Amino acid sequence: MSFYMRTANGKTPRRSRNAMRLATSLTLFGYPLGGLVMLNAPLAGAGSPSFAVSMAGLGIIAMAVLAFFYIAPSYMQRIIGEQVCELDDLERDLRQKAYAFAYHVLTGLVAAFIFYLAVANDDTRLALWAPSTYSHWNTVFWGVLLYCFTLPTAYLAWTMPDIAHEFADEELDSEPARKPGVRWWLWGLIIAGGLAGFILARVIT
């Protein structure tokens, strides 16, 4: 699953390798951390303490999402999400390796999560937590979607040679400005899902 957001002027913003490493790490680790903080907010006690912990978790999730939007128009994300016909042979090879890495990580995470759910719902002696409400599953869904978008880029950020500036200087600046080729159906899916999730969470809870 790929995603790339072109800028209005058709140019690809500069993103250093260290900045991309920080942004991808914040996205991949910040979102689940924020979800866990919000999940455990009731343990802080009723009233203001619980609300403060919940807002802290929401803030961490917001930072993770903002980090993703920092990644979205970058050169590395262009390799992952741009149309294949717009990439050269080196970029296609990098994309293939990034997709292979993301596939292995995602399949491992899904298998581990399913095994955990099986144990949590069967063995009452361990008293393990398991998703049970719409809010829980909504958080899991958006986390999976964020991981699908970010894992390939994270692979490039940690393994790709620092050559993005070379391509940006020689090729990306020479590209004619064009209108952003946003995949409107994907944006529509994300926005509609977010709104529906927020409304249903309010109604159900």
N, C-alpha and C. Protein backbone atom coordinates (compact mmCIF):
# COMPACT_ATOMS: atom_id res chain seq x y z
N MET A 1 0.85 -1.18 0.00
CA MET A 1 0.00 0.00 0.00
C MET A 1 0.89 1.24 0.00
N SER A 2 0.71 2.11 -0.98
CA SER A 2 1.61 3.25 -1.14
C SER A 2 0.87 4.57 -1.05
N PHE A 3 1.65 5.61 -0.75
CA PHE A 3 1.07 6.94 -0.61
C PHE A 3 2.16 7.96 -0.87
N TYR A 4 1.85 8.96 -1.70
CA TYR A 4 2.79 10.05 -1.96
C TYR A 4 2.01 11.32 -2.22
N MET A 5 2.40 12.41 -1.56
CA MET A 5 1.70 13.67 -1.69
C MET A 5 2.59 14.67 -2.40
N ARG A 6 2.25 15.02 -3.62
CA ARG A 6 3.02 16.02 -4.36
C ARG A 6 2.73 17.42 -3.83
N THR A 7 3.73 18.27 -3.92
CA THR A 7 3.54 19.67 -3.52
C THR A 7 2.90 20.45 -4.65
N ALA A 8 2.42 21.64 -4.33
CA ALA A 8 1.69 22.44 -5.32
C ALA A 8 2.58 22.88 -6.47
N ASN A 9 3.88 23.10 -6.20
CA ASN A 9 4.78 23.57 -7.26
C ASN A 9 5.45 22.43 -8.02
N GLY A 10 5.13 21.19 -7.66
CA GLY A 10 5.68 20.05 -8.37
C GLY A 10 7.08 19.65 -7.96
N LYS A 11 7.68 20.36 -7.00
CA LYS A 11 9.03 20.04 -6.55
C LYS A 11 9.00 19.19 -5.29
N THR A 12 10.06 18.42 -5.10
CA THR A 12 10.15 17.55 -3.93
C THR A 12 10.96 18.24 -2.84
N PRO A 13 10.39 18.45 -1.65
CA PRO A 13 11.13 19.13 -0.57
C PRO A 13 12.37 18.34 -0.14
N ARG A 14 13.40 19.07 0.31
CA ARG A 14 14.59 18.42 0.85
C ARG A 14 14.28 17.86 2.24
N ARG A 15 14.67 16.64 2.45
CA ARG A 15 14.56 16.02 3.76
C ARG A 15 15.87 15.27 4.00
N SER A 16 16.62 15.63 5.02
CA SER A 16 17.87 14.94 5.30
C SER A 16 17.59 13.53 5.79
N ARG A 17 18.59 12.68 5.70
CA ARG A 17 18.41 11.29 6.12
C ARG A 17 18.13 11.22 7.62
N ASN A 18 18.82 12.04 8.42
CA ASN A 18 18.58 12.03 9.86
C ASN A 18 17.17 12.50 10.19
N ALA A 19 16.69 13.52 9.46
CA ALA A 19 15.33 14.00 9.69
C ALA A 19 14.31 12.92 9.33
N MET A 20 14.56 12.19 8.26
CA MET A 20 13.64 11.11 7.87
C MET A 20 13.67 9.97 8.87
N ARG A 21 14.85 9.68 9.39
CA ARG A 21 14.94 8.63 10.42
C ARG A 21 14.14 9.03 11.66
N LEU A 22 14.28 10.28 12.06
CA LEU A 22 13.55 10.76 13.23
C LEU A 22 12.05 10.75 12.98
N ALA A 23 11.63 11.22 11.80
CA ALA A 23 10.19 11.30 11.50
C ALA A 23 9.56 9.91 11.40
N THR A 24 10.22 8.98 10.73
CA THR A 24 9.66 7.64 10.61
C THR A 24 9.62 6.93 11.97
N SER A 25 10.66 7.14 12.79
CA SER A 25 10.67 6.53 14.12
C SER A 25 9.55 7.10 14.99
N LEU A 26 9.35 8.41 14.90
CA LEU A 26 8.28 9.05 15.67
C LEU A 26 6.92 8.53 15.24
N THR A 27 6.74 8.33 13.94
CA THR A 27 5.46 7.81 13.45
C THR A 27 5.22 6.38 13.91
N LEU A 28 6.23 5.53 13.76
CA LEU A 28 6.05 4.10 14.05
C LEU A 28 5.97 3.80 15.53
N PHE A 29 6.69 4.56 16.35
CA PHE A 29 6.69 4.30 17.80
C PHE A 29 5.77 5.24 18.56
N GLY A 30 5.55 6.44 18.03
CA GLY A 30 4.71 7.40 18.72
C GLY A 30 3.24 7.01 18.73
N TYR A 31 2.75 6.49 17.59
CA TYR A 31 1.32 6.16 17.52
C TYR A 31 0.94 5.07 18.51
N PRO A 32 1.62 3.91 18.54
CA PRO A 32 1.23 2.90 19.53
C PRO A 32 1.45 3.36 20.97
N LEU A 33 2.51 4.17 21.20
CA LEU A 33 2.73 4.68 22.55
C LEU A 33 1.58 5.57 22.98
N GLY A 34 1.15 6.47 22.09
CA GLY A 34 0.01 7.33 22.42
C GLY A 34 -1.26 6.54 22.67
N GLY A 35 -1.46 5.48 21.86
CA GLY A 35 -2.64 4.63 22.07
C GLY A 35 -2.61 3.94 23.42
N LEU A 36 -1.43 3.45 23.82
CA LEU A 36 -1.31 2.79 25.13
C LEU A 36 -1.54 3.77 26.27
N VAL A 37 -1.04 4.99 26.12
CA VAL A 37 -1.25 6.00 27.17
C VAL A 37 -2.73 6.32 27.32
N MET A 38 -3.42 6.49 26.20
CA MET A 38 -4.86 6.77 26.26
C MET A 38 -5.62 5.59 26.85
N LEU A 39 -5.20 4.36 26.49
CA LEU A 39 -5.87 3.17 26.99
C LEU A 39 -5.77 3.06 28.50
N ASN A 40 -4.62 3.47 29.05
CA ASN A 40 -4.40 3.35 30.49
C ASN A 40 -4.75 4.61 31.26
N ALA A 41 -5.36 5.58 30.59
CA ALA A 41 -5.74 6.83 31.25
C ALA A 41 -6.67 6.60 32.46
N PRO A 42 -7.65 5.68 32.37
CA PRO A 42 -8.53 5.48 33.54
C PRO A 42 -7.78 5.04 34.80
N LEU A 43 -6.60 4.43 34.65
CA LEU A 43 -5.84 3.98 35.81
C LEU A 43 -5.30 5.15 36.63
N ALA A 44 -5.25 6.34 36.02
CA ALA A 44 -4.75 7.51 36.73
C ALA A 44 -5.77 8.06 37.72
N GLY A 45 -6.98 7.55 37.67
CA GLY A 45 -8.02 8.03 38.56
C GLY A 45 -9.07 8.84 37.82
N ALA A 46 -10.21 8.99 38.43
CA ALA A 46 -11.30 9.71 37.79
C ALA A 46 -11.04 11.22 37.81
N GLY A 47 -11.69 11.89 36.86
CA GLY A 47 -11.61 13.34 36.84
C GLY A 47 -10.41 13.88 36.10
N SER A 48 -9.80 14.90 36.65
CA SER A 48 -8.71 15.62 35.97
C SER A 48 -7.49 14.76 35.66
N PRO A 49 -7.02 13.90 36.58
CA PRO A 49 -5.84 13.08 36.23
C PRO A 49 -6.06 12.21 35.00
N SER A 50 -7.20 11.57 34.93
CA SER A 50 -7.50 10.72 33.78
C SER A 50 -7.58 11.54 32.50
N PHE A 51 -8.19 12.71 32.58
CA PHE A 51 -8.30 13.58 31.40
C PHE A 51 -6.92 14.05 30.95
N ALA A 52 -6.05 14.40 31.89
CA ALA A 52 -4.71 14.88 31.54
C ALA A 52 -3.91 13.80 30.86
N VAL A 53 -3.97 12.57 31.38
CA VAL A 53 -3.24 11.45 30.76
C VAL A 53 -3.79 11.17 29.37
N SER A 54 -5.11 11.22 29.23
CA SER A 54 -5.74 10.98 27.93
C SER A 54 -5.30 12.04 26.92
N MET A 55 -5.24 13.29 27.33
CA MET A 55 -4.80 14.36 26.43
C MET A 55 -3.32 14.20 26.07
N ALA A 56 -2.52 13.70 27.02
CA ALA A 56 -1.11 13.46 26.73
C ALA A 56 -0.97 12.38 25.65
N GLY A 57 -1.77 11.32 25.78
CA GLY A 57 -1.76 10.27 24.76
C GLY A 57 -2.21 10.78 23.41
N LEU A 58 -3.23 11.61 23.42
CA LEU A 58 -3.72 12.19 22.17
C LEU A 58 -2.66 13.10 21.54
N GLY A 59 -1.92 13.83 22.37
CA GLY A 59 -0.85 14.69 21.86
C GLY A 59 0.26 13.89 21.20
N ILE A 60 0.60 12.74 21.79
CA ILE A 60 1.63 11.88 21.20
C ILE A 60 1.17 11.35 19.85
N ILE A 61 -0.10 10.95 19.77
CA ILE A 61 -0.65 10.47 18.50
C ILE A 61 -0.64 11.59 17.46
N ALA A 62 -0.98 12.80 17.89
CA ALA A 62 -0.98 13.94 16.97
C ALA A 62 0.43 14.20 16.43
N MET A 63 1.44 14.08 17.27
CA MET A 63 2.82 14.27 16.82
C MET A 63 3.22 13.19 15.81
N ALA A 64 2.75 11.96 16.04
CA ALA A 64 3.05 10.87 15.11
C ALA A 64 2.41 11.14 13.75
N VAL A 65 1.19 11.63 13.75
CA VAL A 65 0.50 11.92 12.49
C VAL A 65 1.17 13.10 11.77
N LEU A 66 1.55 14.13 12.52
CA LEU A 66 2.25 15.27 11.92
C LEU A 66 3.60 14.83 11.33
N ALA A 67 4.27 13.91 12.00
CA ALA A 67 5.53 13.39 11.47
C ALA A 67 5.29 12.67 10.14
N PHE A 68 4.17 11.97 10.04
CA PHE A 68 3.86 11.29 8.78
C PHE A 68 3.64 12.31 7.65
N PHE A 69 2.95 13.40 7.95
CA PHE A 69 2.72 14.41 6.92
C PHE A 69 4.01 15.16 6.57
N TYR A 70 4.98 15.13 7.47
CA TYR A 70 6.31 15.65 7.13
C TYR A 70 6.99 14.71 6.13
N ILE A 71 6.75 13.42 6.27
CA ILE A 71 7.33 12.41 5.38
C ILE A 71 6.65 12.41 4.02
N ALA A 72 5.34 12.65 3.99
CA ALA A 72 4.52 12.41 2.80
C ALA A 72 5.04 13.02 1.50
N PRO A 73 5.56 14.27 1.48
CA PRO A 73 6.03 14.83 0.20
C PRO A 73 7.52 14.63 -0.05
N SER A 74 8.21 13.84 0.77
CA SER A 74 9.66 13.73 0.70
C SER A 74 10.11 12.89 -0.50
N TYR A 75 11.40 12.97 -0.78
CA TYR A 75 11.98 12.21 -1.89
C TYR A 75 11.88 10.71 -1.64
N MET A 76 12.12 10.27 -0.41
CA MET A 76 12.02 8.85 -0.10
C MET A 76 10.59 8.35 -0.26
N GLN A 77 9.62 9.17 0.17
CA GLN A 77 8.23 8.77 0.00
C GLN A 77 7.85 8.78 -1.48
N ARG A 78 8.49 9.64 -2.25
CA ARG A 78 8.27 9.64 -3.70
C ARG A 78 8.67 8.30 -4.30
N ILE A 79 9.81 7.75 -3.85
CA ILE A 79 10.24 6.44 -4.33
C ILE A 79 9.19 5.37 -4.00
N ILE A 80 8.60 5.48 -2.83
CA ILE A 80 7.63 4.47 -2.38
C ILE A 80 6.28 4.62 -3.06
N GLY A 81 5.80 5.86 -3.23
CA GLY A 81 4.42 6.04 -3.65
C GLY A 81 4.19 6.61 -5.03
N GLU A 82 5.24 7.06 -5.71
CA GLU A 82 5.07 7.65 -7.02
C GLU A 82 4.72 6.56 -8.04
N GLN A 83 4.11 6.98 -9.15
CA GLN A 83 3.82 6.03 -10.22
C GLN A 83 5.12 5.45 -10.75
N VAL A 84 5.08 4.16 -11.10
CA VAL A 84 6.29 3.46 -11.50
C VAL A 84 6.93 4.11 -12.72
N CYS A 85 6.13 4.62 -13.64
CA CYS A 85 6.67 5.21 -14.86
C CYS A 85 7.47 6.48 -14.58
N GLU A 86 7.32 7.08 -13.40
CA GLU A 86 8.05 8.29 -13.04
C GLU A 86 9.39 8.00 -12.37
N LEU A 87 9.70 6.73 -12.11
CA LEU A 87 10.92 6.36 -11.41
C LEU A 87 11.95 5.78 -12.36
N ASP A 88 13.23 5.93 -12.00
CA ASP A 88 14.28 5.31 -12.79
C ASP A 88 14.58 3.91 -12.24
N ASP A 89 15.55 3.24 -12.82
CA ASP A 89 15.84 1.85 -12.44
C ASP A 89 16.31 1.74 -11.00
N LEU A 90 17.15 2.67 -10.56
CA LEU A 90 17.62 2.63 -9.18
C LEU A 90 16.48 2.82 -8.20
N GLU A 91 15.61 3.76 -8.47
CA GLU A 91 14.47 4.02 -7.58
C GLU A 91 13.51 2.84 -7.54
N ARG A 92 13.31 2.18 -8.68
CA ARG A 92 12.45 1.00 -8.70
C ARG A 92 13.04 -0.13 -7.88
N ASP A 93 14.35 -0.28 -7.96
CA ASP A 93 15.02 -1.32 -7.17
C ASP A 93 14.90 -1.03 -5.68
N LEU A 94 15.07 0.23 -5.30
CA LEU A 94 14.92 0.61 -3.90
C LEU A 94 13.50 0.39 -3.41
N ARG A 95 12.53 0.69 -4.27
CA ARG A 95 11.13 0.47 -3.89
C ARG A 95 10.86 -1.02 -3.67
N GLN A 96 11.36 -1.85 -4.54
CA GLN A 96 11.13 -3.29 -4.41
C GLN A 96 11.70 -3.82 -3.09
N LYS A 97 12.91 -3.38 -2.74
CA LYS A 97 13.52 -3.82 -1.48
C LYS A 97 12.73 -3.30 -0.28
N ALA A 98 12.26 -2.05 -0.35
CA ALA A 98 11.49 -1.48 0.75
C ALA A 98 10.16 -2.20 0.93
N TYR A 99 9.50 -2.53 -0.17
CA TYR A 99 8.24 -3.26 -0.09
C TYR A 99 8.45 -4.66 0.50
N ALA A 100 9.54 -5.32 0.11
CA ALA A 100 9.82 -6.66 0.63
C ALA A 100 10.04 -6.61 2.15
N PHE A 101 10.79 -5.60 2.59
CA PHE A 101 11.02 -5.44 4.03
C PHE A 101 9.70 -5.19 4.76
N ALA A 102 8.89 -4.27 4.25
CA ALA A 102 7.63 -3.93 4.91
C ALA A 102 6.70 -5.14 4.95
N TYR A 103 6.70 -5.94 3.89
CA TYR A 103 5.85 -7.14 3.85
C TYR A 103 6.23 -8.10 4.98
N HIS A 104 7.52 -8.34 5.15
CA HIS A 104 7.95 -9.27 6.18
C HIS A 104 7.63 -8.75 7.58
N VAL A 105 7.84 -7.46 7.81
CA VAL A 105 7.55 -6.90 9.12
C VAL A 105 6.05 -6.94 9.41
N LEU A 106 5.23 -6.55 8.43
CA LEU A 106 3.79 -6.53 8.65
C LEU A 106 3.22 -7.93 8.87
N THR A 107 3.67 -8.90 8.08
CA THR A 107 3.17 -10.26 8.29
C THR A 107 3.56 -10.78 9.67
N GLY A 108 4.77 -10.45 10.13
CA GLY A 108 5.18 -10.85 11.47
C GLY A 108 4.35 -10.19 12.55
N LEU A 109 4.07 -8.90 12.39
CA LEU A 109 3.26 -8.19 13.37
C LEU A 109 1.82 -8.70 13.40
N VAL A 110 1.26 -8.96 12.24
CA VAL A 110 -0.11 -9.47 12.17
C VAL A 110 -0.20 -10.85 12.81
N ALA A 111 0.76 -11.72 12.51
CA ALA A 111 0.76 -13.06 13.10
C ALA A 111 0.88 -12.99 14.62
N ALA A 112 1.77 -12.12 15.11
CA ALA A 112 1.94 -11.97 16.55
C ALA A 112 0.68 -11.41 17.21
N PHE A 113 0.03 -10.45 16.53
CA PHE A 113 -1.18 -9.85 17.09
C PHE A 113 -2.32 -10.87 17.16
N ILE A 114 -2.47 -11.68 16.12
CA ILE A 114 -3.52 -12.71 16.12
C ILE A 114 -3.26 -13.74 17.22
N PHE A 115 -2.01 -14.14 17.38
CA PHE A 115 -1.67 -15.09 18.45
C PHE A 115 -1.98 -14.48 19.82
N TYR A 116 -1.64 -13.21 19.99
CA TYR A 116 -1.93 -12.52 21.25
C TYR A 116 -3.44 -12.49 21.52
N LEU A 117 -4.23 -12.17 20.49
CA LEU A 117 -5.68 -12.14 20.67
C LEU A 117 -6.21 -13.51 21.06
N ALA A 118 -5.67 -14.55 20.45
CA ALA A 118 -6.13 -15.91 20.77
C ALA A 118 -5.85 -16.23 22.24
N VAL A 119 -4.67 -15.89 22.73
CA VAL A 119 -4.32 -16.15 24.12
C VAL A 119 -5.15 -15.28 25.06
N ALA A 120 -5.29 -13.99 24.71
CA ALA A 120 -6.01 -13.06 25.58
C ALA A 120 -7.48 -13.42 25.72
N ASN A 121 -8.07 -13.98 24.67
CA ASN A 121 -9.50 -14.31 24.73
C ASN A 121 -9.77 -15.71 25.22
N ASP A 122 -8.72 -16.52 25.40
CA ASP A 122 -8.95 -17.90 25.81
C ASP A 122 -8.44 -18.17 27.22
N ASP A 123 -7.29 -17.63 27.55
CA ASP A 123 -6.67 -17.91 28.84
C ASP A 123 -6.99 -16.79 29.82
N THR A 124 -7.99 -17.02 30.66
CA THR A 124 -8.41 -15.98 31.62
C THR A 124 -7.45 -15.85 32.79
N ARG A 125 -6.55 -16.81 32.96
CA ARG A 125 -5.62 -16.74 34.08
C ARG A 125 -4.63 -15.60 33.92
N LEU A 126 -4.28 -15.25 32.68
CA LEU A 126 -3.31 -14.20 32.45
C LEU A 126 -3.92 -12.81 32.52
N ALA A 127 -5.21 -12.70 32.38
CA ALA A 127 -5.92 -11.42 32.44
C ALA A 127 -5.31 -10.40 31.48
N LEU A 128 -5.11 -10.81 30.24
CA LEU A 128 -4.54 -9.92 29.24
C LEU A 128 -5.61 -9.03 28.63
N TRP A 129 -5.20 -7.81 28.29
CA TRP A 129 -6.13 -6.89 27.65
C TRP A 129 -6.32 -7.28 26.19
N ALA A 130 -7.54 -7.08 25.68
CA ALA A 130 -7.83 -7.32 24.26
C ALA A 130 -8.80 -6.25 23.79
N PRO A 131 -8.71 -5.83 22.55
CA PRO A 131 -9.66 -4.83 22.02
C PRO A 131 -11.09 -5.34 22.14
N SER A 132 -11.97 -4.49 22.64
CA SER A 132 -13.35 -4.93 22.84
C SER A 132 -14.38 -3.90 22.39
N THR A 133 -13.99 -2.65 22.23
CA THR A 133 -14.94 -1.61 21.83
C THR A 133 -14.59 -1.07 20.45
N TYR A 134 -15.51 -0.29 19.91
CA TYR A 134 -15.25 0.30 18.60
C TYR A 134 -14.04 1.23 18.64
N SER A 135 -13.89 1.99 19.72
CA SER A 135 -12.76 2.90 19.85
C SER A 135 -11.43 2.14 19.81
N HIS A 136 -11.40 0.98 20.45
CA HIS A 136 -10.19 0.17 20.44
C HIS A 136 -9.84 -0.26 19.02
N TRP A 137 -10.83 -0.83 18.32
CA TRP A 137 -10.56 -1.33 16.98
C TRP A 137 -10.31 -0.20 15.99
N ASN A 138 -10.92 0.94 16.22
CA ASN A 138 -10.66 2.10 15.35
C ASN A 138 -9.20 2.55 15.48
N THR A 139 -8.69 2.53 16.72
CA THR A 139 -7.29 2.88 16.95
C THR A 139 -6.36 1.88 16.28
N VAL A 140 -6.70 0.59 16.37
CA VAL A 140 -5.89 -0.45 15.73
C VAL A 140 -5.90 -0.28 14.22
N PHE A 141 -7.06 0.01 13.64
CA PHE A 141 -7.17 0.15 12.19
C PHE A 141 -6.28 1.26 11.66
N TRP A 142 -6.35 2.45 12.28
CA TRP A 142 -5.55 3.57 11.80
C TRP A 142 -4.06 3.34 12.05
N GLY A 143 -3.75 2.60 13.10
CA GLY A 143 -2.35 2.24 13.34
C GLY A 143 -1.81 1.33 12.25
N VAL A 144 -2.59 0.34 11.85
CA VAL A 144 -2.19 -0.56 10.77
C VAL A 144 -2.01 0.23 9.47
N LEU A 145 -2.93 1.13 9.19
CA LEU A 145 -2.84 1.93 7.96
C LEU A 145 -1.59 2.80 7.98
N LEU A 146 -1.29 3.39 9.12
CA LEU A 146 -0.10 4.23 9.25
C LEU A 146 1.17 3.41 9.06
N TYR A 147 1.19 2.21 9.60
CA TYR A 147 2.34 1.33 9.42
C TYR A 147 2.51 0.93 7.96
N CYS A 148 1.41 0.65 7.27
CA CYS A 148 1.50 0.29 5.85
C CYS A 148 2.13 1.41 5.04
N PHE A 149 1.79 2.64 5.36
CA PHE A 149 2.32 3.79 4.63
C PHE A 149 3.78 4.09 4.99
N THR A 150 4.17 3.83 6.24
CA THR A 150 5.44 4.34 6.75
C THR A 150 6.57 3.31 6.73
N LEU A 151 6.29 2.03 6.89
CA LEU A 151 7.35 1.04 6.99
C LEU A 151 8.30 1.03 5.79
N PRO A 152 7.81 1.06 4.54
CA PRO A 152 8.76 1.09 3.42
C PRO A 152 9.67 2.31 3.46
N THR A 153 9.12 3.45 3.82
CA THR A 153 9.92 4.67 3.90
C THR A 153 10.94 4.59 5.02
N ALA A 154 10.56 3.97 6.12
CA ALA A 154 11.50 3.80 7.23
C ALA A 154 12.68 2.94 6.80
N TYR A 155 12.41 1.92 5.99
CA TYR A 155 13.50 1.08 5.48
C TYR A 155 14.49 1.92 4.68
N LEU A 156 13.97 2.78 3.80
CA LEU A 156 14.85 3.63 3.01
C LEU A 156 15.62 4.61 3.89
N ALA A 157 14.95 5.15 4.90
CA ALA A 157 15.59 6.13 5.76
C ALA A 157 16.79 5.55 6.50
N TRP A 158 16.75 4.24 6.81
CA TRP A 158 17.83 3.62 7.58
C TRP A 158 18.82 2.86 6.72
N THR A 159 18.54 2.63 5.45
CA THR A 159 19.44 1.84 4.62
C THR A 159 19.90 2.55 3.35
N MET A 160 19.15 3.52 2.89
CA MET A 160 19.46 4.17 1.62
C MET A 160 20.65 5.11 1.77
N PRO A 161 21.59 5.09 0.81
CA PRO A 161 22.69 6.07 0.84
C PRO A 161 22.14 7.49 0.79
N ASP A 162 22.89 8.40 1.36
CA ASP A 162 22.43 9.79 1.44
C ASP A 162 22.65 10.49 0.09
N ILE A 163 21.80 10.12 -0.90
CA ILE A 163 21.94 10.67 -2.25
C ILE A 163 20.74 11.50 -2.64
N ALA A 164 19.81 11.70 -1.72
CA ALA A 164 18.59 12.43 -2.07
C ALA A 164 18.89 13.83 -2.57
N HIS A 165 19.92 14.49 -1.96
CA HIS A 165 20.23 15.86 -2.37
C HIS A 165 20.74 15.91 -3.80
N GLU A 166 21.43 14.83 -4.23
CA GLU A 166 21.95 14.79 -5.60
C GLU A 166 20.81 14.74 -6.60
N PHE A 167 19.83 13.87 -6.32
CA PHE A 167 18.68 13.78 -7.22
C PHE A 167 17.87 15.06 -7.18
N ALA A 168 17.74 15.64 -5.98
CA ALA A 168 16.94 16.87 -5.87
C ALA A 168 17.58 17.99 -6.66
N ASP A 169 18.91 18.11 -6.61
CA ASP A 169 19.58 19.20 -7.31
C ASP A 169 19.57 19.02 -8.82
N GLU A 170 19.78 17.79 -9.28
CA GLU A 170 19.98 17.56 -10.70
C GLU A 170 18.70 17.23 -11.46
N GLU A 171 17.75 16.59 -10.76
CA GLU A 171 16.59 16.09 -11.47
C GLU A 171 15.29 16.75 -11.02
N LEU A 172 15.09 16.78 -9.70
CA LEU A 172 13.79 17.21 -9.21
C LEU A 172 13.53 18.68 -9.49
N ASP A 173 14.58 19.51 -9.42
CA ASP A 173 14.40 20.92 -9.71
C ASP A 173 14.15 21.17 -11.19
N SER A 174 14.62 20.26 -12.03
CA SER A 174 14.47 20.43 -13.47
C SER A 174 13.12 19.95 -13.97
N GLU A 175 12.37 19.28 -13.10
CA GLU A 175 11.05 18.82 -13.52
C GLU A 175 10.12 20.02 -13.70
N PRO A 176 9.31 20.03 -14.75
CA PRO A 176 8.35 21.12 -14.91
C PRO A 176 7.30 21.08 -13.81
N ALA A 177 6.94 22.26 -13.38
CA ALA A 177 5.90 22.31 -12.34
C ALA A 177 4.60 21.76 -12.89
N ARG A 178 3.95 20.94 -12.08
CA ARG A 178 2.69 20.35 -12.50
C ARG A 178 1.73 20.32 -11.32
N LYS A 179 0.52 20.18 -11.63
CA LYS A 179 -0.48 20.16 -10.59
C LYS A 179 -0.32 18.90 -9.75
N PRO A 180 -0.58 19.01 -8.46
CA PRO A 180 -0.42 17.86 -7.60
C PRO A 180 -1.32 16.70 -8.07
N GLY A 181 -0.70 15.53 -8.24
CA GLY A 181 -1.47 14.36 -8.67
C GLY A 181 -1.99 13.59 -7.48
N VAL A 182 -2.77 14.22 -6.67
CA VAL A 182 -3.27 13.59 -5.45
C VAL A 182 -4.26 12.49 -5.81
N ARG A 183 -4.13 11.38 -5.16
CA ARG A 183 -5.07 10.29 -5.37
C ARG A 183 -6.31 10.59 -4.53
N TRP A 184 -7.26 11.24 -5.16
CA TRP A 184 -8.41 11.75 -4.42
C TRP A 184 -9.23 10.65 -3.78
N TRP A 185 -9.27 9.49 -4.38
CA TRP A 185 -10.04 8.40 -3.76
C TRP A 185 -9.41 7.98 -2.44
N LEU A 186 -8.07 8.04 -2.36
CA LEU A 186 -7.40 7.66 -1.12
C LEU A 186 -7.60 8.72 -0.05
N TRP A 187 -7.47 10.00 -0.45
CA TRP A 187 -7.76 11.08 0.49
C TRP A 187 -9.20 11.00 0.98
N GLY A 188 -10.12 10.73 0.07
CA GLY A 188 -11.52 10.61 0.47
C GLY A 188 -11.74 9.48 1.45
N LEU A 189 -11.06 8.35 1.22
CA LEU A 189 -11.18 7.21 2.13
C LEU A 189 -10.66 7.56 3.51
N ILE A 190 -9.51 8.23 3.57
CA ILE A 190 -8.92 8.58 4.86
C ILE A 190 -9.80 9.57 5.62
N ILE A 191 -10.24 10.62 4.93
CA ILE A 191 -11.05 11.65 5.60
C ILE A 191 -12.40 11.10 6.03
N ALA A 192 -13.05 10.34 5.13
CA ALA A 192 -14.36 9.77 5.45
C ALA A 192 -14.25 8.78 6.61
N GLY A 193 -13.19 7.96 6.60
CA GLY A 193 -13.00 7.00 7.68
C GLY A 193 -12.75 7.69 9.01
N GLY A 194 -11.94 8.75 8.98
CA GLY A 194 -11.67 9.48 10.21
C GLY A 194 -12.92 10.13 10.79
N LEU A 195 -13.70 10.78 9.92
CA LEU A 195 -14.94 11.42 10.38
C LEU A 195 -15.94 10.39 10.89
N ALA A 196 -16.10 9.29 10.14
CA ALA A 196 -17.03 8.25 10.56
C ALA A 196 -16.61 7.63 11.89
N GLY A 197 -15.28 7.41 12.02
CA GLY A 197 -14.79 6.85 13.28
C GLY A 197 -15.02 7.77 14.46
N PHE A 198 -14.79 9.06 14.25
CA PHE A 198 -15.00 10.02 15.34
C PHE A 198 -16.48 10.09 15.74
N ILE A 199 -17.36 10.14 14.74
CA ILE A 199 -18.80 10.25 15.02
C ILE A 199 -19.31 8.99 15.70
N LEU A 200 -18.93 7.82 15.18
CA LEU A 200 -19.41 6.58 15.76
C LEU A 200 -18.87 6.37 17.17
N ALA A 201 -17.62 6.76 17.38
CA ALA A 201 -17.05 6.63 18.72
C ALA A 201 -17.83 7.48 19.72
N ARG A 202 -18.24 8.68 19.28
CA ARG A 202 -19.03 9.55 20.15
C ARG A 202 -20.42 8.96 20.44
N VAL A 203 -21.02 8.38 19.38
CA VAL A 203 -22.38 7.84 19.52
C VAL A 203 -22.36 6.58 20.37
N ILE A 204 -21.40 5.68 20.09
CA ILE A 204 -21.38 4.38 20.76
C ILE A 204 -21.00 4.52 22.23
N THR A 205 -20.00 5.38 22.49
CA THR A 205 -19.55 5.54 23.87
C THR A 205 -20.35 6.62 24.59
